C-alpha atoms as a PDB file:
ATOM      1  CA  MET A   1       0.046   0.007   0.338  1.00  0.00           C
ATOM      2  CA  PRO A   2       1.680   3.958  -0.604  1.00  0.00           C
ATOM      3  CA  THR A   3       2.063   5.699   2.241  1.00  0.00           C
ATOM      4  CA  GLY A   4       3.423   9.406   2.536  1.00  0.00           C
ATOM      5  CA  GLY A   5       0.079  11.374   2.136  1.00  0.00           C
ATOM      6  CA  ARG A   6       0.586  14.816   3.622  1.00  0.00           C
ATOM      7  CA  GLY A   7      -2.295  14.433   6.099  1.00  0.00           C
ATOM      8  CA  LEU A   8      -4.590  16.889   7.346  1.00  0.00           C
ATOM      9  CA  LYS A   9      -2.946  19.478   9.101  1.00  0.00           C
ATOM     10  CA  GLY A  10      -3.142  23.460   9.906  1.00  0.00           C
ATOM     11  CA  ALA A  11      -5.624  25.902  11.459  1.00  0.00           C
ATOM     12  CA  MET A  12      -7.467  26.129   7.865  1.00  0.00           C
ATOM     13  CA  SER A  13     -10.907  24.746   7.869  1.00  0.00           C
ATOM     14  CA  VAL A  14     -11.293  21.244   7.176  1.00  0.00           C
ATOM     15  CA  ASN A  15     -12.793  21.607   3.775  1.00  0.00           C
ATOM     16  CA  GLU A  16      -9.868  23.999   3.088  1.00  0.00           C
ATOM     17  CA  ARG A  17      -7.342  21.060   4.079  1.00  0.00           C
ATOM     18  CA  VAL A  18      -8.514  18.505   2.065  1.00  0.00           C
ATOM     19  CA  ARG A  19      -8.367  20.635  -0.833  1.00  0.00           C
ATOM     20  CA  GLY A  20      -5.124  21.050  -0.497  1.00  0.00           C
ATOM     21  CA  GLU A  21      -4.510  17.172  -0.179  1.00  0.00           C
ATOM     22  CA  SER A  22      -4.104  14.878  -2.619  1.00  0.00           C
ATOM     23  CA  GLN A  23      -3.752  12.199  -0.259  1.00  0.00           C
ATOM     24  CA  VAL A  24      -4.388  11.642   3.247  1.00  0.00           C
ATOM     25  CA  LEU A  25      -3.424   8.834   5.810  1.00  0.00           C
ATOM     26  CA  LEU A  26      -6.353   7.024   7.197  1.00  0.00           C
ATOM     27  CA  LYS A  27      -5.723   7.680  11.094  1.00  0.00           C
ATOM     28  CA  GLU A  28      -5.500  11.741  10.422  1.00  0.00           C
ATOM     29  CA  ALA A  29      -8.682  11.423   8.877  1.00  0.00           C
ATOM     30  CA  LEU A  30     -10.023   9.391  11.569  1.00  0.00           C
ATOM     31  CA  LYS A  31      -9.161  12.204  13.859  1.00  0.00           C
ATOM     32  CA  VAL A  32     -10.669  14.834  12.300  1.00  0.00           C
ATOM     33  CA  GLY A  33     -13.533  13.487  11.560  1.00  0.00           C
ATOM     34  CA  THR A  34     -13.471  12.333  15.459  1.00  0.00           C
ATOM     35  CA  ASP A  35     -12.703  16.249  15.984  1.00  0.00           C
ATOM     36  CA  ILE A  36     -15.831  17.464  14.079  1.00  0.00           C
ATOM     37  CA  LEU A  37     -18.033  14.904  15.301  1.00  0.00           C
ATOM     38  CA  LYS A  38     -16.892  16.068  19.441  1.00  0.00           C
ATOM     39  CA  SER A  39     -17.475  19.612  18.427  1.00  0.00           C
ATOM     40  CA  ALA A  40     -21.088  18.623  17.558  1.00  0.00           C
ATOM     41  CA  CYS A  41     -21.619  17.119  20.869  1.00  0.00           C
ATOM     42  CA  ILE A  42     -22.491  14.266  18.693  1.00  0.00           C
ATOM     43  CA  GLU A  43     -22.497  10.826  21.158  1.00  0.00           C
ATOM     44  CA  ALA A  44     -19.531   8.532  20.956  1.00  0.00           C
ATOM     45  CA  PRO A  45     -17.448  10.428  18.370  1.00  0.00           C
ATOM     46  CA  ALA A  46     -14.910   8.022  17.432  1.00  0.00           C
ATOM     47  CA  LEU A  47     -17.216   5.222  16.985  1.00  0.00           C
ATOM     48  CA  THR A  48     -19.221   6.865  14.666  1.00  0.00           C
ATOM     49  CA  ALA A  49     -16.519   8.626  12.711  1.00  0.00           C
ATOM     50  CA  GLY A  50     -15.140   5.345  12.670  1.00  0.00           C
ATOM     51  CA  ALA A  51     -17.954   3.531  11.686  1.00  0.00           C
ATOM     52  CA  LEU A  52     -18.506   6.107   8.858  1.00  0.00           C
ATOM     53  CA  LEU A  53     -14.995   5.874   7.572  1.00  0.00           C
ATOM     54  CA  CYS A  54     -15.084   2.020   7.095  1.00  0.00           C
ATOM     55  CA  HIS A  55     -18.488   2.825   5.523  1.00  0.00           C
ATOM     56  CA  VAL A  56     -16.522   4.803   2.626  1.00  0.00           C
ATOM     57  CA  ILE A  57     -13.234   2.223   2.095  1.00  0.00           C
ATOM     58  CA  LYS A  58     -15.644  -0.803   2.637  1.00  0.00           C
ATOM     59  CA  CYS A  59     -13.197  -2.265   5.395  1.00  0.00           C
ATOM     60  CA  ASP A  60     -13.688  -3.443   8.990  1.00  0.00           C
ATOM     61  CA  ARG A  61     -13.009  -1.572  12.200  1.00  0.00           C
ATOM     62  CA  VAL A  62      -9.900  -4.280  11.911  1.00  0.00           C
ATOM     63  CA  PHE A  63      -8.546  -2.780   9.206  1.00  0.00           C
ATOM     64  CA  LEU A  64      -9.581   0.826  10.178  1.00  0.00           C
ATOM     65  CA  TYR A  65      -7.549   0.537  13.070  1.00  0.00           C
ATOM     66  CA  SER A  66      -4.567  -1.612  12.129  1.00  0.00           C
ATOM     67  CA  HIS A  67      -3.967   0.177   8.844  1.00  0.00           C
ATOM     68  CA  GLY A  68      -3.678   4.065  10.441  1.00  0.00           C
ATOM     69  CA  GLU A  69      -1.297   4.592   7.236  1.00  0.00           C
ATOM     70  CA  TYR A  70      -3.170   3.318   4.568  1.00  0.00           C
ATOM     71  CA  ASP A  71      -3.798   6.385   1.669  1.00  0.00           C
ATOM     72  CA  MET A  72      -6.927   7.619   0.761  1.00  0.00           C
ATOM     73  CA  ASP A  73      -7.377   9.356  -2.217  1.00  0.00           C
ATOM     74  CA  ARG A  74      -9.114  12.880  -2.332  1.00  0.00           C
ATOM     75  CA  GLU A  75     -12.565  11.672  -3.338  1.00  0.00           C
ATOM     76  CA  LYS A  76     -12.952   9.310  -0.806  1.00  0.00           C
ATOM     77  CA  THR A  77     -11.736  12.180   1.948  1.00  0.00           C
ATOM     78  CA  GLU A  78     -14.099  14.620   0.799  1.00  0.00           C
ATOM     79  CA  ASP A  79     -16.976  11.597   0.627  1.00  0.00           C
ATOM     80  CA  PHE A  80     -16.227  10.944   4.513  1.00  0.00           C
ATOM     81  CA  LEU A  81     -15.908  14.346   5.534  1.00  0.00           C
ATOM     82  CA  ARG A  82     -19.591  14.963   3.795  1.00  0.00           C
ATOM     83  CA  LEU A  83     -21.067  12.285   5.800  1.00  0.00           C
ATOM     84  CA  VAL A  84     -19.136  13.406   8.671  1.00  0.00           C
ATOM     85  CA  ASN A  85     -20.509  17.107   8.390  1.00  0.00           C
ATOM     86  CA  SER A  86     -23.858  15.408   7.328  1.00  0.00           C
ATOM     87  CA  ARG A  87     -23.529  13.495  10.870  1.00  0.00           C
ATOM     88  CA  ALA A  88     -22.645  16.573  13.266  1.00  0.00           C
ATOM     89  CA  ALA A  89     -26.050  18.457  11.730  1.00  0.00           C
ATOM     90  CA  GLY A  90     -27.709  15.895  12.683  1.00  0.00           C
ATOM     91  CA  LYS A  91     -28.758  13.236  10.383  1.00  0.00           C
ATOM     92  CA  PRO A  92     -28.756   9.876  12.234  1.00  0.00           C
ATOM     93  CA  LEU A  93     -26.249   7.701  11.605  1.00  0.00           C
ATOM     94  CA  GLN A  94     -27.964   4.902  10.264  1.00  0.00           C
ATOM     95  CA  TYR A  95     -29.188   6.857   7.269  1.00  0.00           C
ATOM     96  CA  LEU A  96     -25.779   7.635   6.300  1.00  0.00           C
ATOM     97  CA  THR A  97     -24.477   4.157   5.867  1.00  0.00           C
ATOM     98  CA  GLY A  98     -28.131   3.059   4.865  1.00  0.00           C
ATOM     99  CA  HIS A  99     -27.766  -0.162   7.090  1.00  0.00           C
ATOM    100  CA  GLN A 100     -29.031  -1.183  10.690  1.00  0.00           C
ATOM    101  CA  GLU A 101     -28.561  -4.269  12.849  1.00  0.00           C
ATOM    102  CA  PHE A 102     -31.586  -5.606  14.153  1.00  0.00           C
ATOM    103  CA  MET A 103     -31.784  -9.446  15.855  1.00  0.00           C
ATOM    104  CA  SER A 104     -28.293 -10.009  14.410  1.00  0.00           C
ATOM    105  CA  LEU A 105     -29.468  -9.419  10.818  1.00  0.00           C
ATOM    106  CA  ASP A 106     -28.611  -6.669   8.695  1.00  0.00           C
ATOM    107  CA  PHE A 107     -31.459  -4.100   6.975  1.00  0.00           C
ATOM    108  CA  THR A 108     -31.286  -1.521   4.631  1.00  0.00           C
ATOM    109  CA  VAL A 109     -32.953   1.839   6.017  1.00  0.00           C
ATOM    110  CA  THR A 110     -33.886   5.027   4.490  1.00  0.00           C
ATOM    111  CA  PRO A 111     -35.642   8.203   5.801  1.00  0.00           C
ATOM    112  CA  GLU A 112     -38.586   6.741   4.557  1.00  0.00           C
ATOM    113  CA  VAL A 113     -38.431   4.518   7.281  1.00  0.00           C
ATOM    114  CA  LEU A 114     -38.098   4.090  11.428  1.00  0.00           C
ATOM    115  CA  ILE A 115     -34.491   2.985  11.990  1.00  0.00           C
ATOM    116  CA  PRO A 116     -35.238   0.066  13.788  1.00  0.00           C
ATOM    117  CA  ARG A 117     -34.057   0.195  17.645  1.00  0.00           C
ATOM    118  CA  GLN A 118     -33.045  -2.540  20.688  1.00  0.00           C
ATOM    119  CA  ASP A 119     -36.360  -1.980  22.196  1.00  0.00           C
ATOM    120  CA  THR A 120     -38.188  -3.322  19.523  1.00  0.00           C
ATOM    121  CA  GLU A 121     -36.140  -6.885  20.026  1.00  0.00           C
ATOM    122  CA  ILE A 122     -37.546  -7.658  22.884  1.00  0.00           C
ATOM    123  CA  LEU A 123     -41.339  -7.443  21.128  1.00  0.00           C
ATOM    124  CA  VAL A 124     -39.619  -9.919  18.725  1.00  0.00           C
ATOM    125  CA  GLU A 125     -37.986 -12.148  21.509  1.00  0.00           C
ATOM    126  CA  ALA A 126     -41.611 -11.856  22.777  1.00  0.00           C
ATOM    127  CA  VAL A 127     -43.310 -13.405  20.039  1.00  0.00           C
ATOM    128  CA  VAL A 128     -40.783 -16.048  18.828  1.00  0.00           C
ATOM    129  CA  ARG A 129     -40.577 -17.786  22.936  1.00  0.00           C
ATOM    130  CA  HIS A 130     -44.713 -17.729  23.047  1.00  0.00           C
ATOM    131  CA  ILE A 131     -44.896 -19.393  19.586  1.00  0.00           C
ATOM    132  CA  GLN A 132     -41.659 -21.962  20.634  1.00  0.00           C
ATOM    133  CA  ALA A 133     -44.092 -22.686  23.622  1.00  0.00           C
ATOM    134  CA  LEU A 134     -46.747 -23.633  21.653  1.00  0.00           C
ATOM    135  CA  SER A 135     -45.125 -26.710  20.302  1.00  0.00           C
ATOM    136  CA  PRO A 136     -47.269 -26.222  17.094  1.00  0.00           C
ATOM    137  CA  ARG A 137     -48.257 -29.224  15.510  1.00  0.00           C
ATOM    138  CA  PRO A 138     -46.094 -30.517  12.184  1.00  0.00           C
ATOM    139  CA  GLY A 139     -47.035 -28.984   9.103  1.00  0.00           C
ATOM    140  CA  HIS A 140     -48.828 -26.382  11.161  1.00  0.00           C
ATOM    141  CA  GLU A 141     -48.315 -22.544   9.259  1.00  0.00           C
ATOM    142  CA  ILE A 142     -48.447 -19.762  12.061  1.00  0.00           C
ATOM    143  CA  ARG A 143     -50.134 -16.745  10.454  1.00  0.00           C
ATOM    144  CA  ILE A 144     -48.589 -13.666  11.693  1.00  0.00           C
ATOM    145  CA  LEU A 145     -49.619 -10.042  10.583  1.00  0.00           C
ATOM    146  CA  ASP A 146     -46.980  -6.980  11.376  1.00  0.00           C
ATOM    147  CA  ILE A 147     -48.955  -3.649  11.409  1.00  0.00           C
ATOM    148  CA  GLY A 148     -47.103  -0.510  10.706  1.00  0.00           C
ATOM    149  CA  THR A 149     -44.480  -2.769   9.260  1.00  0.00           C
ATOM    150  CA  GLY A 150     -41.681   0.350   8.311  1.00  0.00           C
ATOM    151  CA  SER A 151     -38.118  -1.342   7.137  1.00  0.00           C
ATOM    152  CA  GLY A 152     -39.554  -4.896   8.323  1.00  0.00           C
ATOM    153  CA  CYS A 153     -37.195  -5.631  11.035  1.00  0.00           C
ATOM    154  CA  ILE A 154     -40.217  -7.227  13.200  1.00  0.00           C
ATOM    155  CA  ALA A 155     -41.937  -8.869  10.209  1.00  0.00           C
ATOM    156  CA  VAL A 156     -38.316 -10.663   8.411  1.00  0.00           C
ATOM    157  CA  SER A 157     -37.041 -11.554  11.995  1.00  0.00           C
ATOM    158  CA  LEU A 158     -39.872 -13.450  12.973  1.00  0.00           C
ATOM    159  CA  ALA A 159     -40.055 -15.062   9.225  1.00  0.00           C
ATOM    160  CA  TYR A 160     -36.134 -15.358   9.880  1.00  0.00           C
ATOM    161  CA  TYR A 161     -36.516 -17.150  13.336  1.00  0.00           C
ATOM    162  CA  VAL A 162     -39.809 -18.735  13.019  1.00  0.00           C
ATOM    163  CA  LYS A 163     -39.294 -21.336   9.795  1.00  0.00           C
ATOM    164  CA  ASN A 164     -43.112 -22.369   9.933  1.00  0.00           C
ATOM    165  CA  CYS A 165     -44.450 -18.869  10.110  1.00  0.00           C
ATOM    166  CA  ARG A 166     -46.030 -16.533   6.915  1.00  0.00           C
ATOM    167  CA  VAL A 167     -46.093 -13.436   7.430  1.00  0.00           C
ATOM    168  CA  THR A 168     -48.342 -10.387   6.491  1.00  0.00           C
ATOM    169  CA  ALA A 169     -46.488  -6.801   6.384  1.00  0.00           C
ATOM    170  CA  LEU A 170     -48.857  -3.981   6.345  1.00  0.00           C
ATOM    171  CA  ASP A 171     -47.826  -0.370   5.925  1.00  0.00           C
ATOM    172  CA  VAL A 172     -49.596   3.063   4.719  1.00  0.00           C
ATOM    173  CA  SER A 173     -46.371   3.611   2.880  1.00  0.00           C
ATOM    174  CA  GLU A 174     -45.726   2.426  -0.629  1.00  0.00           C
ATOM    175  CA  LYS A 175     -41.786   3.240  -0.003  1.00  0.00           C
ATOM    176  CA  ALA A 176     -41.466   1.946   3.559  1.00  0.00           C
ATOM    177  CA  LEU A 177     -43.140  -1.571   1.726  1.00  0.00           C
ATOM    178  CA  SER A 178     -40.445  -1.262  -1.085  1.00  0.00           C
ATOM    179  CA  ILE A 179     -37.652  -0.893   1.457  1.00  0.00           C
ATOM    180  CA  ALA A 180     -39.617  -4.328   3.548  1.00  0.00           C
ATOM    181  CA  GLY A 181     -39.589  -6.543   0.917  1.00  0.00           C
ATOM    182  CA  GLY A 182     -36.100  -5.766   0.179  1.00  0.00           C
ATOM    183  CA  ASN A 183     -34.861  -6.614   3.743  1.00  0.00           C
ATOM    184  CA  ALA A 184     -37.070  -9.984   3.460  1.00  0.00           C
ATOM    185  CA  VAL A 185     -35.457 -10.642   0.159  1.00  0.00           C
ATOM    186  CA  LEU A 186     -31.860  -9.457   2.121  1.00  0.00           C
ATOM    187  CA  ASN A 187     -32.301 -11.991   4.939  1.00  0.00           C
ATOM    188  CA  GLY A 188     -33.649 -14.827   2.845  1.00  0.00           C
ATOM    189  CA  VAL A 189     -37.053 -14.621   4.090  1.00  0.00           C
ATOM    190  CA  GLY A 190     -39.540 -13.013   0.832  1.00  0.00           C
ATOM    191  CA  ASP A 191     -41.316 -16.404  -0.118  1.00  0.00           C
ATOM    192  CA  ARG A 192     -42.917 -15.703   3.573  1.00  0.00           C
ATOM    193  CA  ILE A 193     -43.781 -12.391   3.759  1.00  0.00           C
ATOM    194  CA  GLU A 194     -46.782 -10.906   2.348  1.00  0.00           C
ATOM    195  CA  LEU A 195     -46.636  -6.915   1.615  1.00  0.00           C
ATOM    196  CA  VAL A 196     -50.074  -5.219   1.862  1.00  0.00           C
ATOM    197  CA  HIS A 197     -50.380  -1.804   1.326  1.00  0.00           C
ATOM    198  CA  GLY A 198     -52.995   0.657   2.859  1.00  0.00           C
ATOM    199  CA  ASP A 199     -54.345   2.623   5.847  1.00  0.00           C
ATOM    200  CA  LEU A 200     -55.030   0.407   8.751  1.00  0.00           C
ATOM    201  CA  PHE A 201     -58.015   2.614   9.667  1.00  0.00           C
ATOM    202  CA  GLU A 202     -59.667   2.261   6.602  1.00  0.00           C
ATOM    203  CA  LEU A 203     -58.957  -1.547   5.725  1.00  0.00           C
ATOM    204  CA  TRP A 204     -60.638  -2.195   9.244  1.00  0.00           C
ATOM    205  CA  ALA A 205     -63.287  -0.031   8.696  1.00  0.00           C
ATOM    206  CA  GLU A 206     -66.866  -1.763   9.677  1.00  0.00           C
ATOM    207  CA  ASP A 207     -68.658  -0.474   6.339  1.00  0.00           C
ATOM    208  CA  LYS A 208     -66.497  -2.325   4.256  1.00  0.00           C
ATOM    209  CA  GLY A 209     -68.392  -5.038   4.934  1.00  0.00           C
ATOM    210  CA  ARG A 210     -65.858  -7.916   3.969  1.00  0.00           C
ATOM    211  CA  ALA A 211     -64.433 -11.159   5.478  1.00  0.00           C
ATOM    212  CA  HIS A 212     -61.788 -10.714   7.669  1.00  0.00           C
ATOM    213  CA  PRO A 213     -58.746 -13.041   7.513  1.00  0.00           C
ATOM    214  CA  LEU A 214     -57.958 -14.823  10.949  1.00  0.00           C
ATOM    215  CA  PHE A 215     -54.470 -14.349  12.403  1.00  0.00           C
ATOM    216  CA  ASP A 216     -52.932 -16.331  14.974  1.00  0.00           C
ATOM    217  CA  VAL A 217     -50.203 -13.512  16.211  1.00  0.00           C
ATOM    218  CA  ILE A 218     -51.061  -9.931  15.752  1.00  0.00           C
ATOM    219  CA  VAL A 219     -47.697  -7.785  16.542  1.00  0.00           C
ATOM    220  CA  SER A 220     -47.115  -3.949  15.935  1.00  0.00           C
ATOM    221  CA  ASN A 221     -44.764  -0.837  17.323  1.00  0.00           C
ATOM    222  CA  PRO A 222     -47.082   1.762  16.201  1.00  0.00           C
ATOM    223  CA  PRO A 223     -46.934   5.659  15.860  1.00  0.00           C
ATOM    224  CA  TYR A 224     -47.027   6.447  19.792  1.00  0.00           C
ATOM    225  CA  ILE A 225     -45.611  10.273  20.409  1.00  0.00           C
ATOM    226  CA  PRO A 226     -48.285  12.102  21.756  1.00  0.00           C
ATOM    227  CA  GLU A 227     -48.587  14.881  18.642  1.00  0.00           C
ATOM    228  CA  HIS A 228     -47.708  17.755  20.963  1.00  0.00           C
ATOM    229  CA  GLU A 229     -44.232  15.675  22.301  1.00  0.00           C
ATOM    230  CA  ILE A 230     -42.756  15.555  19.006  1.00  0.00           C
ATOM    231  CA  GLU A 231     -41.362  19.011  18.564  1.00  0.00           C
ATOM    232  CA  THR A 232     -39.764  18.269  21.949  1.00  0.00           C
ATOM    233  CA  LEU A 233     -37.761  15.038  20.175  1.00  0.00           C
ATOM    234  CA  PRO A 234     -34.316  14.812  19.731  1.00  0.00           C
ATOM    235  CA  ARG A 235     -33.212  16.489  15.984  1.00  0.00           C
ATOM    236  CA  GLU A 236     -32.044  12.810  14.745  1.00  0.00           C
ATOM    237  CA  VAL A 237     -35.525  11.884  15.627  1.00  0.00           C
ATOM    238  CA  LYS A 238     -37.572  15.130  14.923  1.00  0.00           C
ATOM    239  CA  GLY A 239     -36.051  16.248  12.055  1.00  0.00           C
ATOM    240  CA  TYR A 240     -35.376  13.243   9.822  1.00  0.00           C
ATOM    241  CA  GLU A 241     -37.418  10.112  11.008  1.00  0.00           C
ATOM    242  CA  PRO A 242     -41.122  10.041   9.148  1.00  0.00           C
ATOM    243  CA  VAL A 243     -43.656  11.699  10.990  1.00  0.00           C
ATOM    244  CA  MET A 244     -46.312   9.654  10.195  1.00  0.00           C
ATOM    245  CA  ALA A 245     -44.539   6.841  11.963  1.00  0.00           C
ATOM    246  CA  LEU A 246     -44.542   8.857  14.606  1.00  0.00           C
ATOM    247  CA  ASN A 247     -47.391  10.491  15.729  1.00  0.00           C
ATOM    248  CA  GLY A 248     -49.686   8.496  18.010  1.00  0.00           C
ATOM    249  CA  GLY A 249     -52.623  11.297  17.908  1.00  0.00           C
ATOM    250  CA  LYS A 250     -53.479  13.657  20.584  1.00  0.00           C
ATOM    251  CA  ASP A 251     -52.200  10.864  23.722  1.00  0.00           C
ATOM    252  CA  GLY A 252     -50.460   8.971  21.903  1.00  0.00           C
ATOM    253  CA  LEU A 253     -52.545   6.041  22.112  1.00  0.00           C
ATOM    254  CA  ALA A 254     -54.393   6.063  18.949  1.00  0.00           C
ATOM    255  CA  PHE A 255     -53.320   3.127  17.469  1.00  0.00           C
ATOM    256  CA  TYR A 256     -53.498   1.041  20.351  1.00  0.00           C
ATOM    257  CA  ARG A 257     -57.511   1.855  20.982  1.00  0.00           C
ATOM    258  CA  PHE A 258     -58.394   0.800  17.485  1.00  0.00           C
ATOM    259  CA  ILE A 259     -55.792  -2.000  16.914  1.00  0.00           C
ATOM    260  CA  ILE A 260     -57.222  -3.741  20.464  1.00  0.00           C
ATOM    261  CA  GLY A 261     -60.851  -2.873  19.671  1.00  0.00           C
ATOM    262  CA  ASN A 262     -60.766  -4.532  16.596  1.00  0.00           C
ATOM    263  CA  ALA A 263     -58.359  -7.762  18.117  1.00  0.00           C
ATOM    264  CA  GLU A 264     -61.474 -10.003  18.075  1.00  0.00           C
ATOM    265  CA  LYS A 265     -62.386  -9.331  14.297  1.00  0.00           C
ATOM    266  CA  HIS A 266     -58.606 -10.592  12.882  1.00  0.00           C
ATOM    267  CA  LEU A 267     -57.059 -12.574  15.679  1.00  0.00           C
ATOM    268  CA  LYS A 268     -58.370 -16.147  16.277  1.00  0.00           C
ATOM    269  CA  PRO A 269     -59.515 -17.207  19.647  1.00  0.00           C
ATOM    270  CA  GLY A 270     -56.216 -18.194  21.585  1.00  0.00           C
ATOM    271  CA  GLY A 271     -54.336 -15.840  19.465  1.00  0.00           C
ATOM    272  CA  TYR A 272     -51.175 -13.745  20.778  1.00  0.00           C
ATOM    273  CA  MET A 273     -51.449  -9.915  20.312  1.00  0.00           C
ATOM    274  CA  GLY A 274     -47.680  -8.009  21.120  1.00  0.00           C
ATOM    275  CA  PHE A 275     -47.036  -4.224  21.119  1.00  0.00           C
ATOM    276  CA  GLU A 276     -44.129  -2.060  21.530  1.00  0.00           C
ATOM    277  CA  VAL A 277     -45.178   0.788  24.309  1.00  0.00           C
ATOM    278  CA  GLY A 278     -43.817   4.031  24.523  1.00  0.00           C
ATOM    279  CA  TYR A 279     -41.917   5.197  28.057  1.00  0.00           C
ATOM    280  CA  GLY A 280     -44.791   5.634  30.543  1.00  0.00           C
ATOM    281  CA  GLN A 281     -47.425   3.517  28.574  1.00  0.00           C
ATOM    282  CA  ALA A 282     -47.386   0.300  29.447  1.00  0.00           C
ATOM    283  CA  ASP A 283     -49.943   0.248  32.082  1.00  0.00           C
ATOM    284  CA  ALA A 284     -52.638   2.203  29.601  1.00  0.00           C
ATOM    285  CA  VAL A 285     -51.818  -0.321  27.131  1.00  0.00           C
ATOM    286  CA  TYR A 286     -52.560  -3.270  29.702  1.00  0.00           C
ATOM    287  CA  ARG A 287     -55.508  -2.169  30.678  1.00  0.00           C
ATOM    288  CA  MET A 288     -57.041  -1.670  26.744  1.00  0.00           C
ATOM    289  CA  MET A 289     -56.319  -5.612  26.762  1.00  0.00           C
ATOM    290  CA  GLN A 290     -57.815  -6.239  30.424  1.00  0.00           C
ATOM    291  CA  GLY A 291     -61.558  -7.230  29.098  1.00  0.00           C
ATOM    292  CA  HIS A 292     -60.455  -9.198  26.085  1.00  0.00           C
ATOM    293  CA  PHE A 293     -56.815 -11.018  26.811  1.00  0.00           C
ATOM    294  CA  CYS A 294     -55.677 -12.897  29.431  1.00  0.00           C
ATOM    295  CA  SER A 295     -52.203 -14.441  30.204  1.00  0.00           C
ATOM    296  CA  LEU A 296     -51.341 -10.425  30.463  1.00  0.00           C
ATOM    297  CA  THR A 297     -47.216  -9.807  30.289  1.00  0.00           C
ATOM    298  CA  LYS A 298     -45.187  -6.426  30.411  1.00  0.00           C
ATOM    299  CA  PHE A 299     -41.967  -6.844  29.173  1.00  0.00           C
ATOM    300  CA  SER A 300     -38.919  -4.883  30.392  1.00  0.00           C
ATOM    301  CA  ASP A 301     -35.897  -3.207  28.670  1.00  0.00           C
ATOM    302  CA  LEU A 302     -32.361  -3.604  30.696  1.00  0.00           C
ATOM    303  CA  ALA A 303     -33.671  -0.385  32.550  1.00  0.00           C
ATOM    304  CA  GLY A 304     -36.404  -1.475  33.813  1.00  0.00           C
ATOM    305  CA  ILE A 305     -38.626   0.012  31.962  1.00  0.00           C
ATOM    306  CA  ASP A 306     -41.983  -1.595  30.577  1.00  0.00           C
ATOM    307  CA  ARG A 307     -41.395  -1.501  26.768  1.00  0.00           C
ATOM    308  CA  VAL A 308     -43.446  -4.507  25.441  1.00  0.00           C
ATOM    309  CA  VAL A 309     -47.097  -5.459  26.928  1.00  0.00           C
ATOM    310  CA  ALA A 310     -48.998  -8.952  25.411  1.00  0.00           C
ATOM    311  CA  GLY A 311     -51.412 -10.956  26.041  1.00  0.00           C
ATOM    312  CA  VAL A 312     -53.645 -13.994  24.507  1.00  0.00           C
ATOM    313  CA  LEU A 313     -57.104 -13.043  22.993  1.00  0.00           C
ATOM    314  CA  LYS A 314     -59.712 -15.155  25.355  1.00  0.00           C
ATOM    315  CA  LYS A 315     -61.819 -18.348  24.075  1.00  0.00           C
ATOM    316  CA  THR A 316     -65.350 -17.389  24.309  1.00  0.00           C
ATOM    317  CA  PRO A 317     -67.880 -20.158  24.583  1.00  0.00           C
ATOM    318  CA  GLY A 318     -68.124 -22.053  20.701  1.00  0.00           C
ATOM    319  CA  SER A 319     -64.565 -20.929  20.230  1.00  0.00           C
END
């Protein structure tokens, strides 16, 4: 590998320095990126700069930290600094790299979908454990509905870890469904996921007069931010993630009320329903489910905050 790049030095702005350099050492680019992010008060600036640098030069972190003398050409240096400056301005790292890991799987993400978060893994794990505990008979296909699929992280993960299931992924956004479909193919489960475009409130409306399919499991990470709180969210969220995937109505509970209120039309008796919930919402969602669900459980994150509420639809006489 050639070495001997002149480096990023002096008191000029980063862009001015780059214009004067034909090659830049990897370790110096990393330091400059880290300094920019630190000045912008970005969390974990060194890790973030490293992730962006790995993305630009298509390497892993082992290469990044063991080849500090590697020369970057001007084009890659400028690409790196463009991404660093975008992150410093608040754009989420995942939208800059186009990827996010979830349930140990790789997901493509764009600003058309919410970024998959670790809290949502709690919901997927709860559903997987429930299905495994059922010991379904051989050949029986578990039918799952994922409401508001977004990137498809829940639907794809369930299809990946529950081999005998078929997942219907519903979303009002065609762009989101396109990304979810790509993620299903990327993770090898495209043949077991059906993408459905539509507005939940219209599809489940009483006046449609259609026969409703029944599912063994309904799962959702719905919009749950109260409308008046959206402007108080961190800039990385309110400025970049899709508002329609955040806005849960006046109190943040609109989607829970509607889904729970219509559960008996779409969920088999004895079927399982699970939600991710926002901070402080678990008790309210729990109470909503009490009338028609049993075996209700709340699942918390590592900090002890309730993040998931799930239960089993009660069987009525004759069901």
